[in-house]
PDB file of N, CA and C in Angstrom:
ATOM      1  N   UNK A   1      95.016 106.842  69.373  1.00  0.00           N
ATOM      2  CA  UNK A   1      94.451 105.561  70.100  1.00  0.00           C
ATOM      3  C   UNK A   1      95.823 104.741  70.974  1.00  0.00           C
ATOM      4  N   UNK A   2      95.410 103.945  71.901  1.00  0.00           N
ATOM      5  CA  UNK A   2      96.149 103.683  72.983  1.00  0.00           C
ATOM      6  C   UNK A   2      96.448 102.060  72.423  1.00  0.00           C
ATOM      7  N   UNK A   3      97.477 101.388  73.334  1.00  0.00           N
ATOM      8  CA  UNK A   3      97.324 100.194  72.979  1.00  0.00           C
ATOM      9  C   UNK A   3      97.322  99.316  74.398  1.00  0.00           C
ATOM     10  N   UNK A   4      96.782  98.557  74.280  1.00  0.00           N
ATOM     11  CA  UNK A   4      96.526  97.971  75.562  1.00  0.00           C
ATOM     12  C   UNK A   4      97.114  96.592  75.338  1.00  0.00           C
ATOM     13  N   UNK A   5      98.382  95.982  76.449  1.00  0.00           N
ATOM     14  CA  UNK A   5      99.449  95.583  76.678  1.00  0.00           C
ATOM     15  C   UNK A   5      98.626  94.332  77.698  1.00  0.00           C
ATOM     16  N   UNK A   6      98.629  93.042  77.341  1.00  0.00           N
ATOM     17  CA  UNK A   6      98.217  92.644  78.815  1.00  0.00           C
ATOM     18  C   UNK A   6      99.536  91.399  78.822  1.00  0.00           C
ATOM     19  N   UNK A   7     100.094  91.262  80.254  1.00  0.00           N
ATOM     20  CA  UNK A   7     100.855  90.231  80.334  1.00  0.00           C
ATOM     21  C   UNK A   7     100.298  88.738  79.816  1.00  0.00           C
ATOM     22  N   UNK A   8     100.890  88.071  79.033  1.00  0.00           N
ATOM     23  CA  UNK A   8     100.992  87.254  78.983  1.00  0.00           C
ATOM     24  C   UNK A   8     102.204  86.394  79.397  1.00  0.00           C
ATOM     25  N   UNK A   9     101.037  84.785  80.392  1.00  0.00           N
ATOM     26  CA  UNK A   9     102.154  84.055  80.871  1.00  0.00           C
ATOM     27  C   UNK A   9     102.654  83.299  80.158  1.00  0.00           C
ATOM     28  N   UNK A  10     104.607  83.122  80.531  1.00  0.00           N
ATOM     29  CA  UNK A  10     104.932  82.241  79.246  1.00  0.00           C
ATOM     30  C   UNK A  10     105.640  81.007  80.127  1.00  0.00           C
ATOM     31  N   UNK A  11     105.458  79.723  79.229  1.00  0.00           N
ATOM     32  CA  UNK A  11     106.000  78.726  80.251  1.00  0.00           C
ATOM     33  C   UNK A  11     107.226  78.504  79.878  1.00  0.00           C
ATOM     34  N   UNK A  12     108.117  78.624  79.958  1.00  0.00           N
ATOM     35  CA  UNK A  12     109.649  78.275  79.227  1.00  0.00           C
ATOM     36  C   UNK A  12     109.627  76.020  79.122  1.00  0.00           C
ATOM     37  N   UNK A  13     110.169  75.921  77.977  1.00  0.00           N
ATOM     38  CA  UNK A  13     109.554  74.404  77.889  1.00  0.00           C
ATOM     39  C   UNK A  13     110.954  73.588  78.186  1.00  0.00           C
ATOM     40  N   UNK A  14     110.425  72.028  78.750  1.00  0.00           N
ATOM     41  CA  UNK A  14     110.913  71.073  79.332  1.00  0.00           C
ATOM     42  C   UNK A  14     112.743  71.225  79.041  1.00  0.00           C
ATOM     43  N   UNK A  15     112.941  71.349  78.076  1.00  0.00           N
ATOM     44  CA  UNK A  15     114.275  71.469  77.084  1.00  0.00           C
ATOM     45  C   UNK A  15     114.877  72.576  77.477  1.00  0.00           C
ATOM     46  N   UNK A  16     114.470  73.869  77.742  1.00  0.00           N
ATOM     47  CA  UNK A  16     114.914  74.775  78.356  1.00  0.00           C
ATOM     48  C   UNK A  16     115.426  74.789  79.532  1.00  0.00           C
ATOM     49  N   UNK A  17     114.597  74.287  80.475  1.00  0.00           N
ATOM     50  CA  UNK A  17     114.262  74.387  81.763  1.00  0.00           C
ATOM     51  C   UNK A  17     115.830  72.990  81.844  1.00  0.00           C
ATOM     52  N   UNK A  18     115.902  72.193  81.452  1.00  0.00           N
ATOM     53  CA  UNK A  18     116.857  71.016  81.383  1.00  0.00           C
ATOM     54  C   UNK A  18     118.668  71.802  80.857  1.00  0.00           C
ATOM     55  N   UNK A  19     118.373  72.625  80.051  1.00  0.00           N
ATOM     56  CA  UNK A  19     119.336  73.368  79.595  1.00  0.00           C
ATOM     57  C   UNK A  19     119.958  74.401  80.155  1.00  0.00           C
ATOM     58  N   UNK A  20     119.025  75.083  81.090  1.00  0.00           N
ATOM     59  CA  UNK A  20     119.354  75.734  81.879  1.00  0.00           C
ATOM     60  C   UNK A  20     120.343  75.338  83.328  1.00  0.00           C
ATOM     61  N   UNK A  21     119.472  74.056  84.106  1.00  0.00           N
ATOM     62  CA  UNK A  21     119.873  73.341  84.892  1.00  0.00           C
ATOM     63  C   UNK A  21     121.490  72.438  84.507  1.00  0.00           C
ATOM     64  N   UNK A  22     121.162  71.863  83.658  1.00  0.00           N
ATOM     65  CA  UNK A  22     122.895  71.845  82.692  1.00  0.00           C
ATOM     66  C   UNK A  22     123.896  72.741  83.223  1.00  0.00           C
ATOM     67  N   UNK A  23     123.592  73.832  82.317  1.00  0.00           N
ATOM     68  CA  UNK A  23     124.749  74.817  82.728  1.00  0.00           C
ATOM     69  C   UNK A  23     124.719  75.631  83.872  1.00  0.00           C
ATOM     70  N   UNK A  24     124.107  75.476  84.758  1.00  0.00           N
ATOM     71  CA  UNK A  24     124.063  75.679  86.212  1.00  0.00           C
ATOM     72  C   UNK A  24     125.217  74.596  86.499  1.00  0.00           C
ATOM     73  N   UNK A  25     125.112  73.634  86.452  1.00  0.00           N
ATOM     74  CA  UNK A  25     125.694  72.073  87.065  1.00  0.00           C
ATOM     75  C   UNK A  25     127.198  72.374  86.535  1.00  0.00           C
ATOM     76  N   UNK A  26     127.294  72.876  85.331  1.00  0.00           N
ATOM     77  CA  UNK A  26     128.651  72.864  84.632  1.00  0.00           C
ATOM     78  C   UNK A  26     129.283  74.051  85.428  1.00  0.00           C
ATOM     79  N   UNK A  27     128.904  75.209  85.863  1.00  0.00           N
ATOM     80  CA  UNK A  27     129.427  76.355  86.232  1.00  0.00           C
ATOM     81  C   UNK A  27     129.581  76.024  87.566  1.00  0.00           C
ATOM     82  N   UNK A  28     128.989  75.361  88.488  1.00  0.00           N
ATOM     83  CA  UNK A  28     128.988  74.830  89.903  1.00  0.00           C
ATOM     84  C   UNK A  28     130.507  73.720  89.839  1.00  0.00           C
ATOM     85  N   UNK A  29     130.374  72.755  88.978  1.00  0.00           N
ATOM     86  CA  UNK A  29     131.538  72.069  88.783  1.00  0.00           C
ATOM     87  C   UNK A  29     132.831  72.989  88.460  1.00  0.00           C
ATOM     88  N   UNK A  30     133.220  73.028  87.777  1.00  0.00           N
ATOM     89  CA  UNK A  30     134.010  74.299  87.405  1.00  0.00           C
ATOM     90  C   UNK A  30     134.637  75.167  88.801  1.00  0.00           C
ATOM     91  N   UNK A  31     133.573  75.764  88.978  1.00  0.00           N
ATOM     92  CA  UNK A  31     133.976  76.578  90.673  1.00  0.00           C
ATOM     93  C   UNK A  31     134.501  75.492  91.844  1.00  0.00           C
ATOM     94  N   UNK A  32     134.123  74.560  91.641  1.00  0.00           N
ATOM     95  CA  UNK A  32     134.328  73.703  92.528  1.00  0.00           C
ATOM     96  C   UNK A  32     136.178  72.959  92.165  1.00  0.00           C
ATOM     97  N   UNK A  33     135.906  72.670  90.772  1.00  0.00           N
ATOM     98  CA  UNK A  33     137.450  72.305  90.365  1.00  0.00           C
ATOM     99  C   UNK A  33     138.230  73.693  90.442  1.00  0.00           C
ATOM    100  N   UNK A  34     138.051  74.788  90.652  1.00  0.00           N
ATOM    101  CA  UNK A  34     139.155  75.546  90.900  1.00  0.00           C
ATOM    102  C   UNK A  34     139.460  76.157  91.803  1.00  0.00           C
ATOM    103  N   UNK A  35     138.204  75.768  93.424  1.00  0.00           N
ATOM    104  CA  UNK A  35     138.434  75.771  94.240  1.00  0.00           C
ATOM    105  C   UNK A  35     139.883  74.580  94.916  1.00  0.00           C
ATOM    106  N   UNK A  36     139.614  73.495  94.444  1.00  0.00           N
ATOM    107  CA  UNK A  36     140.634  71.922  94.634  1.00  0.00           C
ATOM    108  C   UNK A  36     141.630  72.388  93.914  1.00  0.00           C
ATOM    109  N   UNK A  37     142.278  72.965  92.742  1.00  0.00           N
ATOM    110  CA  UNK A  37     143.241  73.367  91.925  1.00  0.00           C
ATOM    111  C   UNK A  37     143.987  75.005  92.968  1.00  0.00           C
ATOM    112  N   UNK A  38     143.525  75.672  93.508  1.00  0.00           N
ATOM    113  CA  UNK A  38     143.871  76.468  94.656  1.00  0.00           C
ATOM    114  C   UNK A  38     144.195  75.790  95.709  1.00  0.00           C
ATOM    115  N   UNK A  39     142.861  75.189  96.566  1.00  0.00           N
ATOM    116  CA  UNK A  39     143.693  74.123  97.546  1.00  0.00           C
ATOM    117  C   UNK A  39     144.961  73.553  97.622  1.00  0.00           C
ATOM    118  N   UNK A  40     144.763  72.628  96.542  1.00  0.00           N
ATOM    119  CA  UNK A  40     146.099  72.006  96.558  1.00  0.00           C
ATOM    120  C   UNK A  40     147.365  72.846  96.166  1.00  0.00           C
ATOM    121  N   UNK A  41     147.382  73.898  95.384  1.00  0.00           N
ATOM    122  CA  UNK A  41     148.548  74.649  95.104  1.00  0.00           C
ATOM    123  C   UNK A  41     148.898  75.070  96.927  1.00  0.00           C
ATOM    124  N   UNK A  42     148.166  75.209  97.245  1.00  0.00           N
ATOM    125  CA  UNK A  42     148.270  76.003  98.969  1.00  0.00           C
ATOM    126  C   UNK A  42     148.560  75.000  99.666  1.00  0.00           C
ATOM    127  N   UNK A  43     148.357  73.677  99.562  1.00  0.00           N
ATOM    128  CA  UNK A  43     148.702  72.921 100.351  1.00  0.00           C
ATOM    129  C   UNK A  43     150.541  72.251  99.914  1.00  0.00           C
ATOM    130  N   UNK A  44     150.232  72.755  98.520  1.00  0.00           N
ATOM    131  CA  UNK A  44     152.159  72.184  98.236  1.00  0.00           C
ATOM    132  C   UNK A  44     152.985  73.072  98.213  1.00  0.00           C
ATOM    133  N   UNK A  45     152.149  74.538  98.773  1.00  0.00           N
ATOM    134  CA  UNK A  45     153.646  75.244  98.796  1.00  0.00           C
ATOM    135  C   UNK A  45     153.666  75.397 100.370  1.00  0.00           C
ATOM    136  N   UNK A  46     152.475  75.317 101.266  1.00  0.00           N
ATOM    137  CA  UNK A  46     152.594  74.928 103.013  1.00  0.00           C
ATOM    138  C   UNK A  46     153.936  73.962 103.285  1.00  0.00           C
ATOM    139  N   UNK A  47     153.692  72.766 102.330  1.00  0.00           N
ATOM    140  CA  UNK A  47     154.515  71.694 102.981  1.00  0.00           C
ATOM    141  C   UNK A  47     156.201  71.966 102.387  1.00  0.00           C
ATOM    142  N   UNK A  48     156.342  72.876 101.758  1.00  0.00           N
ATOM    143  CA  UNK A  48     157.761  73.201 101.033  1.00  0.00           C
ATOM    144  C   UNK A  48     158.138  74.631 102.180  1.00  0.00           C
ATOM    145  N   UNK A  49     157.662  75.058 103.150  1.00  0.00           N
ATOM    146  CA  UNK A  49     158.042  76.032 103.697  1.00  0.00           C
ATOM    147  C   UNK A  49     158.925  75.466 104.971  1.00  0.00           C
ATOM    148  N   UNK A  50     160.057  75.726 106.000  1.00  0.00           N
ATOM    149  CA  UNK A  50     160.680  75.671 106.941  1.00  0.00           C
ATOM    150  C   UNK A  50     160.451  75.460 107.978  1.00  0.00           C
ATOM    151  N   UNK A  51     160.693  75.375 109.039  1.00  0.00           N
ATOM    152  CA  UNK A  51     160.009  74.847 110.327  1.00  0.00           C
ATOM    153  C   UNK A  51     160.179  76.921 110.894  1.00  0.00           C
ATOM    154  N   UNK A  52     161.472  77.718 110.473  1.00  0.00           N
ATOM    155  CA  UNK A  52     160.628  78.688 111.224  1.00  0.00           C
ATOM    156  C   UNK A  52     159.548  79.660 110.343  1.00  0.00           C
ATOM    157  N   UNK A  53     159.651  79.621 109.190  1.00  0.00           N
ATOM    158  CA  UNK A  53     158.263  80.195 108.728  1.00  0.00           C
ATOM    159  C   UNK A  53     157.338  79.290 108.877  1.00  0.00           C
ATOM    160  N   UNK A  54     157.090  78.291 109.223  1.00  0.00           N
ATOM    161  CA  UNK A  54     155.684  77.986 109.741  1.00  0.00           C
ATOM    162  C   UNK A  54     155.469  78.416 111.312  1.00  0.00           C
ATOM    163  N   UNK A  55     156.637  78.722 112.087  1.00  0.00           N
ATOM    164  CA  UNK A  55     156.125  79.035 113.415  1.00  0.00           C
ATOM    165  C   UNK A  55     155.827  80.558 112.824  1.00  0.00           C
ATOM    166  N   UNK A  56     156.366  81.432 112.447  1.00  0.00           N
ATOM    167  CA  UNK A  56     156.096  82.549 111.877  1.00  0.00           C
ATOM    168  C   UNK A  56     154.571  83.092 111.753  1.00  0.00           C
ATOM    169  N   UNK A  57     154.273  82.148 111.036  1.00  0.00           N
ATOM    170  CA  UNK A  57     152.757  81.801 110.255  1.00  0.00           C
ATOM    171  C   UNK A  57     151.509  81.301 111.603  1.00  0.00           C
ATOM    172  N   UNK A  58     152.058  80.584 112.582  1.00  0.00           N
ATOM    173  CA  UNK A  58     151.302  80.006 113.333  1.00  0.00           C
ATOM    174  C   UNK A  58     150.765  78.513 113.117  1.00  0.00           C
ATOM    175  N   UNK A  59     151.473  78.007 112.251  1.00  0.00           N
ATOM    176  CA  UNK A  59     151.223  76.578 111.899  1.00  0.00           C
ATOM    177  C   UNK A  59     151.938  75.467 112.100  1.00  0.00           C
ATOM    178  N   UNK A  60     151.562  74.525 112.761  1.00  0.00           N
ATOM    179  CA  UNK A  60     152.075  73.735 113.528  1.00  0.00           C
ATOM    180  C   UNK A  60     153.288  72.721 112.917  1.00  0.00           C
ATOM    181  N   UNK A  61     154.176  72.050 113.226  1.00  0.00           N
ATOM    182  CA  UNK A  61     155.219  71.910 112.187  1.00  0.00           C
ATOM    183  C   UNK A  61     154.549  70.982 111.526  1.00  0.00           C
ATOM    184  N   UNK A  62     153.738  69.956 112.114  1.00  0.00           N
ATOM    185  CA  UNK A  62     152.926  69.117 111.186  1.00  0.00           C
ATOM    186  C   UNK A  62     152.019  69.132 110.502  1.00  0.00           C
ATOM    187  N   UNK A  63     151.863  70.227 110.617  1.00  0.00           N
ATOM    188  CA  UNK A  63     150.311  71.094 109.347  1.00  0.00           C
ATOM    189  C   UNK A  63     150.583  70.902 108.035  1.00  0.00           C
ATOM    190  N   UNK A  64     151.922  71.148 107.395  1.00  0.00           N
ATOM    191  CA  UNK A  64     151.799  71.343 106.150  1.00  0.00           C
ATOM    192  C   UNK A  64     152.134  69.183 105.611  1.00  0.00           C
ATOM    193  N   UNK A  65     152.645  68.693 106.507  1.00  0.00           N
ATOM    194  CA  UNK A  65     152.742  67.403 105.816  1.00  0.00           C
ATOM    195  C   UNK A  65     151.322  66.577 106.151  1.00  0.00           C
ATOM    196  N   UNK A  66     150.667  66.793 107.130  1.00  0.00           N
ATOM    197  CA  UNK A  66     149.273  66.162 106.977  1.00  0.00           C
ATOM    198  C   UNK A  66     148.442  67.158 105.937  1.00  0.00           C
ATOM    199  N   UNK A  67     148.873  68.252 105.287  1.00  0.00           N
ATOM    200  CA  UNK A  67     148.054  68.888 104.353  1.00  0.00           C
ATOM    201  C   UNK A  67     148.089  68.198 102.916  1.00  0.00           C
ATOM    202  N   UNK A  68     149.494  68.064 103.187  1.00  0.00           N
ATOM    203  CA  UNK A  68     149.962  67.527 101.588  1.00  0.00           C
ATOM    204  C   UNK A  68     149.651  65.798 101.324  1.00  0.00           C
ATOM    205  N   UNK A  69     149.231  65.341 102.387  1.00  0.00           N
ATOM    206  CA  UNK A  69     148.567  63.847 102.201  1.00  0.00           C
ATOM    207  C   UNK A  69     147.241  63.663 101.867  1.00  0.00           C
ATOM    208  N   UNK A  70     146.267  65.142 102.494  1.00  0.00           N
ATOM    209  CA  UNK A  70     145.003  64.958 102.262  1.00  0.00           C
ATOM    210  C   UNK A  70     144.478  65.318 100.800  1.00  0.00           C
ATOM    211  N   UNK A  71     143.236  64.275 100.397  1.00  0.00           N
ATOM    212  CA  UNK A  71     142.505  65.060  99.194  1.00  0.00           C
ATOM    213  C   UNK A  71     142.441  66.419  98.646  1.00  0.00           C
ATOM    214  N   UNK A  72     142.653  66.855  97.547  1.00  0.00           N
ATOM    215  CA  UNK A  72     142.502  68.389  97.150  1.00  0.00           C
ATOM    216  C   UNK A  72     141.197  68.753  97.713  1.00  0.00           C
ATOM    217  N   UNK A  73     140.144  68.168  97.609  1.00  0.00           N
ATOM    218  CA  UNK A  73     138.324  68.779  98.355  1.00  0.00           C
ATOM    219  C   UNK A  73     138.754  68.549  99.498  1.00  0.00           C
ATOM    220  N   UNK A  74     139.400  67.726 100.220  1.00  0.00           N
ATOM    221  CA  UNK A  74     139.571  68.164 101.717  1.00  0.00           C
ATOM    222  C   UNK A  74     140.030  69.057 102.295  1.00  0.00           C
ATOM    223  N   UNK A  75     139.288  70.328 102.764  1.00  0.00           N
ATOM    224  CA  UNK A  75     139.841  71.870 102.390  1.00  0.00           C
ATOM    225  C   UNK A  75     139.383  72.252 104.050  1.00  0.00           C
ATOM    226  N   UNK A  76     139.168  71.064 105.229  1.00  0.00           N
ATOM    227  CA  UNK A  76     139.028  71.272 106.488  1.00  0.00           C
ATOM    228  C   UNK A  76     140.294  71.630 107.346  1.00  0.00           C
ATOM    229  N   UNK A  77     140.172  72.198 107.954  1.00  0.00           N
ATOM    230  CA  UNK A  77     141.704  72.919 109.377  1.00  0.00           C
ATOM    231  C   UNK A  77     141.714  71.932 110.232  1.00  0.00           C
ATOM    232  N   UNK A  78     140.927  70.983 110.199  1.00  0.00           N
ATOM    233  CA  UNK A  78     140.541  69.893 111.701  1.00  0.00           C
ATOM    234  C   UNK A  78     142.238  69.090 111.488  1.00  0.00           C
ATOM    235  N   UNK A  79     142.514  68.766 112.154  1.00  0.00           N
ATOM    236  CA  UNK A  79     144.004  67.728 112.506  1.00  0.00           C
ATOM    237  C   UNK A  79     145.164  68.455 112.025  1.00  0.00           C
ATOM    238  N   UNK A  80     145.520  69.789 112.689  1.00  0.00           N
ATOM    239  CA  UNK A  80     146.956  70.513 112.682  1.00  0.00           C
ATOM    240  C   UNK A  80     147.000  70.168 114.119  1.00  0.00           C
TER     241      UNK A  80
END
């Protein structure tokens, strides 16, 4: 005897949907925080380089100083 299985539509509850959205938000926030920490560390390291090293890697002399004063979330390379 063969068993026939019919697809049964399953609707997730509102609580499940909200919990998944909350987890996605937390994950996105953690990724943003990680990017900010990495950007800030890069800014700090660039600010400590001497003129010769900056010239070698092609960054204008005022670049690291302007980077060091930026907010961590400002990762644009404009203003160099």
